[in-house]
Protein backbone atom coordinates (compact mmCIF):
# COMPACT_ATOMS: atom_id res chain seq x y z
CA MET A 1 -1.59 -10.43 19.75
CA VAL A 2 -4.59 -8.14 19.14
CA PHE A 3 -3.03 -7.05 15.84
CA ILE A 4 -2.43 -10.66 14.69
CA LYS A 5 -5.89 -11.84 15.77
CA ARG A 6 -7.52 -8.92 13.93
CA PHE A 7 -5.53 -9.69 10.77
CA PHE A 8 -6.48 -13.37 10.64
CA ARG A 9 -10.13 -12.62 11.52
CA LEU A 10 -10.31 -10.32 8.49
CA VAL A 11 -8.73 -12.98 6.27
CA VAL A 12 -11.31 -15.57 7.32
CA MET A 13 -14.22 -13.14 6.89
CA SER A 14 -13.17 -12.10 3.39
CA LEU A 15 -11.65 -15.30 1.97
CA GLY A 16 -14.98 -16.86 1.09
CA VAL A 17 -16.14 -13.76 -0.78
CA THR A 18 -12.94 -13.54 -2.81
CA VAL A 19 -12.52 -17.22 -3.68
CA MET A 20 -16.15 -17.56 -4.82
CA ALA A 21 -15.70 -14.62 -7.18
CA LEU A 22 -12.14 -15.56 -8.23
CA VAL A 23 -11.90 -13.47 -11.40
CA GLY A 24 -8.58 -10.69 -13.09
CA ASN A 25 -4.95 -10.59 -12.96
CA SER A 26 -2.03 -9.50 -10.88
CA ARG A 27 0.13 -6.98 -12.58
CA THR A 28 3.50 -5.42 -12.27
CA LEU A 29 5.12 -5.22 -15.67
CA ALA A 30 7.11 -7.97 -17.35
CA ILE A 31 10.13 -5.98 -18.50
CA THR A 32 11.32 -7.11 -21.93
CA SER A 33 14.92 -6.07 -21.31
CA PHE A 34 15.05 -8.79 -18.62
CA ALA A 35 13.81 -11.31 -21.21
CA ARG A 36 16.49 -10.20 -23.68
CA GLN A 37 19.16 -10.34 -20.99
CA THR A 38 18.32 -13.85 -19.78
CA GLY A 39 17.18 -15.33 -23.09
CA LEU A 40 14.05 -16.53 -21.29
CA PRO A 41 10.39 -15.74 -22.02
CA CYS A 42 8.40 -13.45 -19.72
CA SER A 43 6.59 -16.52 -18.35
CA SER A 44 9.80 -17.69 -16.66
CA CYS A 45 9.57 -14.80 -14.20
CA HIS A 46 5.80 -14.22 -14.22
CA THR A 47 2.91 -16.59 -13.68
CA ILE A 48 1.29 -14.30 -16.17
CA PRO A 49 2.56 -10.76 -16.20
CA PRO A 50 3.14 -9.36 -13.69
CA GLU A 51 2.93 -11.83 -10.80
CA LEU A 52 6.37 -13.19 -9.95
CA THR A 53 7.10 -16.90 -10.09
CA PRO A 54 9.66 -18.47 -7.71
CA PHE A 55 12.27 -17.94 -10.43
CA GLY A 56 11.18 -14.31 -10.82
CA ARG A 57 11.57 -13.70 -7.11
CA THR A 58 15.04 -15.28 -7.21
CA PHE A 59 16.01 -13.12 -10.21
CA LYS A 60 15.01 -9.96 -8.33
CA LEU A 61 16.63 -11.15 -5.08
CA ASN A 62 19.93 -11.61 -6.94
CA GLY A 63 19.92 -8.05 -8.22
CA TYR A 64 18.55 -8.57 -11.75
CA THR A 65 22.00 -9.86 -12.78
CA LEU A 66 21.38 -13.30 -14.35
CA THR A 67 22.35 -13.04 -18.01
CA GLY A 68 22.70 -15.11 -21.14
CA LEU A 69 24.11 -12.27 -23.24
CA PRO A 70 27.73 -11.97 -24.37
CA GLN A 71 29.75 -9.74 -22.07
CA ILE A 72 32.61 -7.31 -22.44
CA THR A 73 34.96 -8.43 -19.68
CA ALA A 74 38.25 -7.51 -18.06
CA LYS A 75 39.81 -9.40 -15.18
CA PRO A 76 40.54 -7.28 -12.11
CA ALA A 77 44.16 -6.80 -11.15
CA ARG A 78 45.94 -5.09 -8.28
CA GLN A 79 45.93 -1.70 -10.01
CA GLU A 80 43.14 -2.23 -12.53
CA ALA A 81 39.41 -2.54 -11.97
CA GLY A 82 37.53 -5.40 -13.57
CA LEU A 83 34.65 -5.18 -16.03
CA SER A 84 31.61 -7.29 -16.85
CA LEU A 85 29.36 -5.35 -19.19
CA SER A 86 26.60 -6.51 -21.51
CA ARG A 87 27.10 -5.75 -25.18
CA TYR A 88 23.54 -4.42 -25.32
CA MET A 89 21.87 -1.58 -23.44
CA PRO A 90 19.09 -3.00 -21.15
CA ILE A 91 16.29 -0.73 -22.37
CA ALA A 92 12.55 -1.43 -22.58
CA ALA A 93 9.51 0.69 -23.43
CA PHE A 94 5.87 0.55 -22.37
CA ILE A 95 2.72 2.28 -23.60
CA GLN A 96 -0.82 2.07 -22.22
CA PHE A 97 -4.18 3.15 -23.68
CA SER A 98 -7.42 3.22 -21.70
CA ASN A 99 -11.06 4.18 -21.42
CA ALA A 100 -13.00 4.54 -18.16
CA GLY A 101 -16.36 5.71 -16.91
CA THR A 102 -18.40 5.90 -13.71
CA LYS A 103 -21.98 4.80 -13.04
CA ARG A 104 -22.94 8.44 -12.56
CA PRO A 105 -20.91 11.11 -14.34
CA GLN A 106 -18.76 13.37 -12.23
CA PRO A 107 -20.41 16.81 -12.07
CA GLY A 108 -19.46 19.11 -14.90
CA THR A 109 -17.35 16.50 -16.70
CA GLU A 110 -17.69 14.17 -19.66
CA ASN A 111 -17.96 10.45 -18.89
CA TRP A 112 -16.15 7.64 -20.74
CA ASN A 113 -12.99 9.44 -21.82
CA PHE A 114 -10.28 7.81 -23.91
CA GLU A 115 -6.68 8.36 -22.87
CA PHE A 116 -4.35 7.85 -25.82
CA PRO A 117 -2.05 7.21 -24.08
CA GLN A 118 -2.84 7.00 -20.38
CA SER A 119 0.87 6.57 -19.72
CA ALA A 120 4.13 5.59 -21.36
CA SER A 121 7.35 4.45 -19.70
CA LEU A 122 11.00 3.89 -20.48
CA PHE A 123 13.02 1.39 -18.44
CA LEU A 124 16.73 0.98 -17.83
CA ALA A 125 16.42 -2.49 -16.36
CA GLY A 126 19.10 -5.16 -16.22
CA ALA A 127 22.58 -6.11 -15.12
CA MET A 128 25.23 -3.39 -14.77
CA SER A 129 27.93 -5.80 -13.59
CA ASP A 130 28.21 -9.27 -12.08
CA HIS A 131 26.66 -8.09 -8.82
CA VAL A 132 24.85 -4.83 -9.65
CA GLY A 133 21.55 -4.48 -11.49
CA SER A 134 18.70 -2.03 -11.83
CA PHE A 135 15.02 -1.47 -12.36
CA ILE A 136 14.77 2.21 -13.33
CA GLN A 137 11.55 3.68 -14.73
CA VAL A 138 10.55 7.09 -16.06
CA THR A 139 6.90 7.60 -16.97
CA TYR A 140 4.92 10.03 -19.11
CA ASP A 141 1.54 10.97 -17.66
CA ALA A 142 -0.97 12.27 -20.21
CA GLN A 143 -2.89 14.43 -17.73
CA ALA A 144 0.25 16.07 -16.37
CA ASP A 145 1.74 16.10 -19.90
CA HIS A 146 5.30 15.43 -18.80
CA PHE A 147 7.74 12.66 -17.91
CA SER A 148 8.60 12.07 -14.27
CA TRP A 149 10.74 9.69 -12.25
CA ASP A 150 8.85 6.49 -11.43
CA ASN A 151 9.70 3.35 -9.43
CA THR A 152 13.44 2.78 -9.10
CA ASP A 153 15.39 -0.04 -7.46
CA VAL A 154 19.17 -0.31 -7.92
CA ARG A 155 20.78 -3.32 -6.21
CA TYR A 156 24.03 -4.93 -5.26
CA ALA A 157 23.63 -8.66 -4.56
CA ASN A 158 25.98 -11.47 -3.55
CA ARG A 159 25.85 -14.83 -1.81
CA ARG A 160 27.77 -16.89 0.72
CA THR A 161 27.23 -19.77 3.13
CA PHE A 162 25.99 -19.00 6.64
CA ALA A 163 25.37 -21.69 9.30
CA GLY A 164 25.76 -24.28 6.58
CA LYS A 165 22.97 -22.79 4.44
CA ASP A 166 22.87 -20.51 1.41
CA LEU A 167 22.63 -16.78 2.19
CA VAL A 168 21.78 -14.24 -0.50
CA TYR A 169 22.37 -10.67 0.66
CA GLY A 170 22.43 -7.27 -0.90
CA VAL A 171 22.03 -3.51 -0.82
CA THR A 172 19.14 -1.59 -2.37
CA PHE A 173 18.87 2.06 -3.32
CA ASN A 174 15.24 2.89 -4.13
CA ASN A 175 12.61 5.61 -4.12
CA ASN A 176 9.47 3.93 -2.78
CA PRO A 177 8.98 1.84 0.38
CA THR A 178 8.10 -1.78 -0.64
CA VAL A 179 9.25 -1.31 -4.26
CA GLU A 180 12.13 -3.68 -3.48
CA ASP A 181 9.83 -6.38 -2.10
CA LEU A 182 9.72 -9.85 -3.68
CA TRP A 183 6.01 -10.50 -3.21
CA ASN A 184 2.75 -9.26 -4.68
CA ASP A 185 0.97 -8.60 -1.38
CA THR A 186 2.75 -5.39 -0.34
CA PRO A 187 1.61 -1.92 -1.48
CA THR A 188 3.84 -1.14 -4.47
CA TRP A 189 3.19 -4.39 -6.33
CA GLY A 190 -0.21 -5.24 -4.84
CA PHE A 191 -3.48 -5.65 -6.72
CA PRO A 192 -4.78 -3.78 -8.67
CA TRP A 193 -1.71 -3.24 -10.83
CA VAL A 194 -3.47 -1.02 -13.36
CA THR A 195 -6.05 1.59 -12.39
CA PRO A 196 -7.83 4.48 -14.12
CA ASN A 197 -6.61 7.97 -13.32
CA GLN A 198 -9.89 9.74 -14.13
CA THR A 199 -12.35 8.11 -11.69
CA PRO A 200 -12.91 9.04 -8.00
CA THR A 201 -10.96 7.20 -5.30
CA PRO A 202 -11.41 7.30 -1.50
CA MET A 203 -9.67 10.14 0.32
CA ALA A 204 -8.10 8.17 3.21
CA GLY A 205 -5.07 5.89 2.98
CA THR A 206 -2.06 4.96 5.07
CA LEU A 207 1.29 6.60 4.40
CA ILE A 208 3.08 3.36 3.50
CA GLU A 209 0.52 2.63 0.77
CA GLY A 210 1.94 5.05 -1.78
CA GLY A 211 2.09 8.20 0.34
CA LEU A 212 5.86 8.45 -0.13
CA ALA A 213 6.18 6.95 -3.60
CA GLN A 214 8.84 8.65 -5.76
CA ASP A 215 9.17 11.40 -3.15
CA VAL A 216 11.89 9.75 -1.07
CA ALA A 217 15.32 8.18 -1.46
CA GLY A 218 16.23 5.13 0.61
CA LEU A 219 19.32 3.05 1.22
CA GLY A 220 18.98 -0.36 2.81
CA GLY A 221 20.08 -3.95 3.04
CA TYR A 222 18.36 -7.30 2.69
CA ALA A 223 19.09 -11.01 3.03
CA MET A 224 17.43 -14.36 2.29
CA TRP A 225 18.67 -17.33 4.35
CA ASN A 226 18.17 -20.93 3.24
CA ASP A 227 15.53 -19.77 0.70
CA HIS A 228 13.11 -19.42 3.64
CA LEU A 229 13.80 -16.47 5.93
CA TYR A 230 13.88 -12.96 4.44
CA GLY A 231 14.73 -9.73 6.20
CA ALA A 232 15.25 -6.16 5.02
CA ALA A 233 15.73 -2.70 6.50
CA THR A 234 15.92 0.67 4.72
CA ILE A 235 16.37 4.26 5.85
CA TYR A 236 14.46 6.93 3.87
CA ARG A 237 14.81 10.69 3.48
CA SER A 238 12.58 13.12 1.57
CA GLU A 239 13.77 13.83 -1.96
CA HIS A 240 11.06 16.04 -3.55
CA ILE A 241 12.06 15.67 -7.20
CA GLY A 242 11.23 18.83 -9.12
CA SER A 243 11.76 21.17 -6.19
CA PRO A 244 14.83 23.33 -5.50
CA GLN A 245 17.74 21.76 -3.63
CA PRO A 246 18.74 22.01 -0.83
CA ASN A 247 15.22 21.12 0.27
CA THR A 248 13.16 23.82 2.00
CA GLY A 249 10.06 21.64 2.45
CA THR A 250 7.77 24.41 1.21
CA GLY A 251 4.62 23.12 -0.45
CA PHE A 252 5.03 19.50 0.67
CA GLY A 253 2.75 17.81 3.19
CA ILE A 254 5.42 15.26 4.15
CA ASN A 255 8.97 16.38 4.99
CA ILE A 256 10.81 13.56 6.73
CA ARG A 257 12.68 14.80 9.80
CA GLY A 258 15.91 12.89 10.29
CA ALA A 259 15.48 9.47 8.73
CA ALA A 260 12.44 7.20 8.41
CA PRO A 261 13.15 3.49 9.07
CA TYR A 262 11.37 0.77 7.07
CA TRP A 263 11.57 -2.90 8.03
CA ARG A 264 10.49 -6.21 6.52
CA LEU A 265 10.44 -9.85 7.71
CA ALA A 266 9.00 -12.80 5.79
CA TRP A 267 9.05 -16.60 5.74
CA GLN A 268 8.41 -18.63 2.60
CA GLN A 269 7.81 -22.36 2.22
CA THR A 270 7.16 -24.63 -0.77
CA MET A 271 5.20 -27.81 -0.08
CA GLY A 272 4.76 -29.88 -3.23
CA ASN A 273 2.43 -27.90 -5.48
CA ASN A 274 1.74 -25.36 -2.73
CA TYR A 275 3.64 -22.20 -1.82
CA LEU A 276 3.09 -19.98 1.21
CA GLU A 277 4.63 -16.70 2.34
CA VAL A 278 3.75 -14.92 5.57
CA GLY A 279 5.36 -11.73 6.72
CA THR A 280 5.23 -8.35 8.34
CA TYR A 281 6.50 -4.90 7.39
CA GLY A 282 6.28 -1.39 8.73
CA MET A 283 7.62 2.14 8.89
CA HIS A 284 7.95 5.09 11.26
CA VAL A 285 7.98 8.65 9.92
CA ALA A 286 8.41 12.00 11.67
CA SER A 287 7.40 14.87 9.41
CA SER A 288 6.93 18.63 9.39
CA PRO A 289 4.18 19.69 6.95
CA GLY A 290 5.26 22.53 4.69
CA ALA A 291 8.61 23.06 6.40
CA ILE A 292 11.79 21.37 7.60
CA THR A 293 11.56 22.79 11.12
CA GLY A 294 8.85 23.32 13.71
CA PRO A 295 6.10 21.02 15.06
CA GLU A 296 6.06 17.44 13.82
CA ASP A 297 3.54 14.80 12.79
CA PHE A 298 4.33 11.16 13.57
CA PHE A 299 3.19 8.14 11.54
CA THR A 300 3.72 4.52 12.61
CA ASP A 301 2.54 1.89 10.13
CA VAL A 302 2.61 -1.81 11.04
CA ALA A 303 1.41 -4.47 8.59
CA ALA A 304 0.94 -8.20 8.16
CA ASP A 305 0.82 -9.94 4.79
CA ALA A 306 0.45 -13.39 3.25
CA GLN A 307 0.65 -14.95 -0.21
CA TYR A 308 -0.52 -18.42 -1.25
CA GLU A 309 -0.02 -20.16 -4.60
CA ARG A 310 -1.12 -23.56 -5.83
CA ILE A 311 -0.30 -25.32 -9.10
CA LEU A 312 -3.08 -27.56 -10.46
CA PRO A 313 -1.41 -30.38 -12.46
CA SER A 314 -4.76 -32.00 -13.27
CA LEU A 315 -5.90 -28.73 -14.91
CA ASN A 316 -3.01 -28.16 -17.35
CA ASN A 317 -0.90 -26.62 -14.57
CA ASN A 318 -3.27 -23.71 -14.11
CA THR A 319 -2.51 -21.85 -10.90
CA ILE A 320 -4.34 -20.10 -8.09
CA SER A 321 -2.75 -17.23 -6.20
CA ILE A 322 -4.12 -15.34 -3.20
CA HIS A 323 -2.65 -12.19 -1.62
CA THR A 324 -3.68 -10.32 1.50
CA THR A 325 -2.34 -7.47 3.60
CA TYR A 326 -3.52 -5.58 6.68
CA VAL A 327 -2.01 -2.19 7.61
CA HIS A 328 -2.63 -0.33 10.86
CA GLU A 329 -1.45 3.27 11.10
CA SER A 330 -1.21 5.22 14.35
CA THR A 331 -0.63 8.94 14.01
CA ASN A 332 0.14 11.85 16.29
CA LEU A 333 -0.67 14.86 14.11
CA GLU A 334 0.49 17.63 16.45
CA ALA A 335 1.67 19.84 13.58
CA THR A 336 -1.45 19.31 11.48
CA TYR A 337 -3.64 19.95 14.53
CA GLY A 338 -1.70 23.14 15.27
CA LEU A 339 -2.39 24.35 11.73
CA GLY A 340 -6.12 23.80 12.25
CA SER A 341 -6.29 20.92 9.75
CA ALA A 342 -7.37 18.27 12.30
CA SER A 343 -9.81 18.27 15.22
CA PHE A 344 -7.34 16.53 17.55
CA PRO A 345 -3.83 15.02 17.27
CA HIS A 346 -4.25 11.26 17.74
CA HIS A 347 -5.79 9.13 14.97
CA ASP A 348 -5.88 5.53 13.84
CA LEU A 349 -6.39 4.27 10.30
CA SER A 350 -6.52 0.68 9.06
CA THR A 351 -6.72 -0.91 5.62
CA PHE A 352 -7.30 -4.50 4.59
CA LYS A 353 -7.00 -6.01 1.11
CA LEU A 354 -7.57 -9.51 -0.21
CA ASP A 355 -7.41 -10.69 -3.80
CA GLY A 356 -7.36 -14.02 -5.59
CA THR A 357 -6.46 -14.90 -9.16
CA TYR A 358 -7.10 -17.98 -11.27
CA HIS A 359 -4.41 -18.19 -13.94
CA PHE A 360 -5.39 -20.07 -17.10
CA GLN A 361 -1.78 -21.02 -17.84
CA ASN A 362 -0.03 -17.89 -19.17
CA LYS A 363 -2.82 -16.48 -21.30
CA TYR A 364 -5.83 -15.50 -19.18
CA GLY A 365 -6.26 -14.24 -15.65
CA ALA A 366 -9.44 -13.79 -13.63
CA THR A 367 -9.26 -11.89 -10.33
CA ALA A 368 -11.55 -10.75 -7.55
CA GLY A 369 -10.41 -8.36 -4.85
CA TYR A 370 -11.93 -6.90 -1.69
CA PHE A 371 -10.71 -3.74 0.06
CA THR A 372 -11.75 -1.80 3.13
CA THR A 373 -10.49 1.26 5.03
CA TRP A 374 -11.67 2.44 8.46
CA GLY A 375 -10.42 4.68 11.24
CA THR A 376 -10.94 7.65 13.54
CA THR A 377 -13.71 10.04 12.55
CA ASP A 378 -12.51 13.64 12.21
CA PRO A 379 -14.71 16.20 10.40
CA VAL A 380 -11.75 18.52 9.87
CA LEU A 381 -9.13 16.02 8.68
CA TYR A 382 -11.70 14.29 6.46
CA ALA A 383 -13.72 17.37 5.62
CA PRO A 384 -16.25 18.18 2.90
CA ASN A 385 -14.66 19.45 -0.30
CA ALA A 386 -16.14 22.76 -1.42
CA VAL A 387 -14.36 22.69 -4.79
CA VAL A 388 -14.98 19.03 -5.72
CA PRO A 389 -17.77 17.81 -3.40
CA LEU A 390 -17.56 14.15 -4.48
CA ALA A 391 -13.96 14.03 -3.16
CA GLY A 392 -14.94 14.98 0.40
CA SER A 393 -16.88 13.51 3.32
CA ALA A 394 -20.00 14.98 4.91
CA ASN A 395 -19.44 13.22 8.25
CA GLY A 396 -15.63 13.04 8.60
CA ASP A 397 -15.59 9.24 8.55
CA PRO A 398 -12.70 7.73 6.51
CA LYS A 399 -14.52 4.43 5.97
CA SER A 400 -14.58 3.07 2.41
CA ASN A 401 -14.96 -0.46 1.12
CA GLY A 402 -15.73 -2.32 -2.06
CA TYR A 403 -14.60 -4.91 -4.56
CA ILE A 404 -12.73 -5.19 -7.84
CA LEU A 405 -13.44 -7.73 -10.59
CA GLN A 406 -10.96 -8.07 -13.41
CA PHE A 407 -10.35 -10.21 -16.46
CA ALA A 408 -7.11 -10.03 -18.44
CA TYR A 409 -6.00 -11.59 -21.71
CA TRP A 410 -2.46 -11.92 -23.07
CA PRO A 411 -2.43 -12.85 -26.76
CA TRP A 412 1.35 -12.49 -26.45
CA GLN A 413 3.40 -12.27 -23.28
CA ASN A 414 4.22 -8.60 -23.89
CA ILE A 415 0.68 -7.47 -24.81
CA ASP A 416 -2.22 -7.19 -22.38
CA PHE A 417 -5.93 -6.44 -22.68
CA THR A 418 -7.81 -5.91 -19.41
CA ALA A 419 -11.40 -5.23 -18.37
CA GLN A 420 -11.89 -4.12 -14.76
CA TYR A 421 -14.90 -3.16 -12.65
CA THR A 422 -14.71 -1.44 -9.24
CA GLY A 423 -17.78 -1.38 -7.01
CA TYR A 424 -18.07 0.74 -3.86
CA LEU A 425 -20.23 -0.31 -0.91
CA THR A 426 -19.10 2.68 1.18
CA PHE A 427 -17.18 5.77 0.03
CA ASN A 428 -15.68 8.47 2.27
CA GLY A 429 -17.85 7.51 5.23
CA GLY A 430 -21.24 6.74 3.70
CA SER A 431 -23.20 4.61 1.27
CA THR A 432 -25.76 7.33 0.44
CA ASN A 433 -25.24 11.10 0.18
CA TYR A 434 -21.69 10.65 1.48
CA ASP A 435 -20.59 14.10 0.26
CA GLY A 436 -23.64 16.06 1.45
CA ALA A 437 -24.42 16.93 -2.18
CA GLY A 438 -26.52 13.87 -3.01
CA ARG A 439 -23.86 11.52 -4.36
CA ASN A 440 -23.98 7.85 -3.35
CA ALA A 441 -21.04 5.47 -3.00
CA SER A 442 -22.29 3.33 -5.90
CA ASP A 443 -22.33 6.40 -8.18
CA ASN A 444 -18.52 6.08 -8.22
CA ASN A 445 -18.60 2.47 -9.45
CA ALA A 446 -16.23 2.43 -12.39
CA ALA A 447 -15.61 0.31 -15.47
CA TYR A 448 -12.12 0.44 -16.95
CA PHE A 449 -10.73 -0.97 -20.18
CA THR A 450 -7.04 -0.85 -20.94
CA ALA A 451 -4.46 -2.22 -23.34
CA TRP A 452 -0.72 -2.10 -22.80
CA PHE A 453 2.25 -3.04 -24.92
CA ILE A 454 5.82 -3.50 -23.71
CA PHE A 455 8.72 -4.02 -26.08
């Protein structure tokens, strides 16, 4: 009850701030191979790319398998497997260019750098058979100067009747907790969908919010009953792409011991022009830092989330969408403490995010978001950074909060131009001189301009 009360109190406190400033866009990518496969425009699945419409959520739920393309088929027989294969390879490509700068330059670096490109991706995304589909992404990072495995979700999906109602069920194999989720209020697909990779970001974050992304492999199941009740569960193991196999754990801060369970429950309801989803998700991880044996750290993340959408028929069917999530992480860092990297074992860390978007049909999006992180003060775990002072904390407090304003324009559904501004009220535990070297939180305020093309 304390968890639920805290979540809704934060929603009420922040909702007014976000709605009054309602300006940007929600963004996962609208994959063009899905458009080619279905014969439908990107706007069928996205309010404006990337936020999923009800049809987009249904398409993902059913394993990315809906198709309007001609198929190569063979009927199954007793001693012969069947075949249902698209005549065309479901491939898409993405490229992104950007420029970003901070209010005060980072010491010893040039401000306002162009990245041409910031990133580029290839996708194998579409139906593999009647019941199997994929979203597979590999991405080139300009700063790392190489391609690497990115978000991946391969699904089997089917349907039947249960208790007189429709039941869609399936299996997912993926590499990032929450990547398989249907909503835009969980970490993988939550706002902001595009961010600069050359501006400072706060040091503290919960494990479920990207701490395991592309570093694990998970196998799980999911089901949606009566188009209302959704449940999912996945078991994850460390994968460590790029390291020798079998895994030794050397050099990795997180090495999952045994298996890490992830769970998800959600309820969705459409009421005329209104749509509401409320849910909860979480994960428990036991890990040995730098090894696969020895003392363990334990992470337990529990979260609540909600998503609201409203169509405005009197305003040319413009839409409003609001997303929020609250994550509380409890940790027992016995291994980290034993290594001298924490002052004591037990810590708590919480994050809260709220964003709202006004969609001008499928061409413009204006978004405002608020974010905050707070938790246990530890001057060793959240220590000053001698090499890059602005990345550390002078007082060991993980608190950071701020806002994001964003405006996006889509001249075509596969081309995006975005302007984004991030303002920090607190950064790594302070608003002034947070790093002990004279840098203020607002010095890290960042403007970001990006253009992306997907084809």
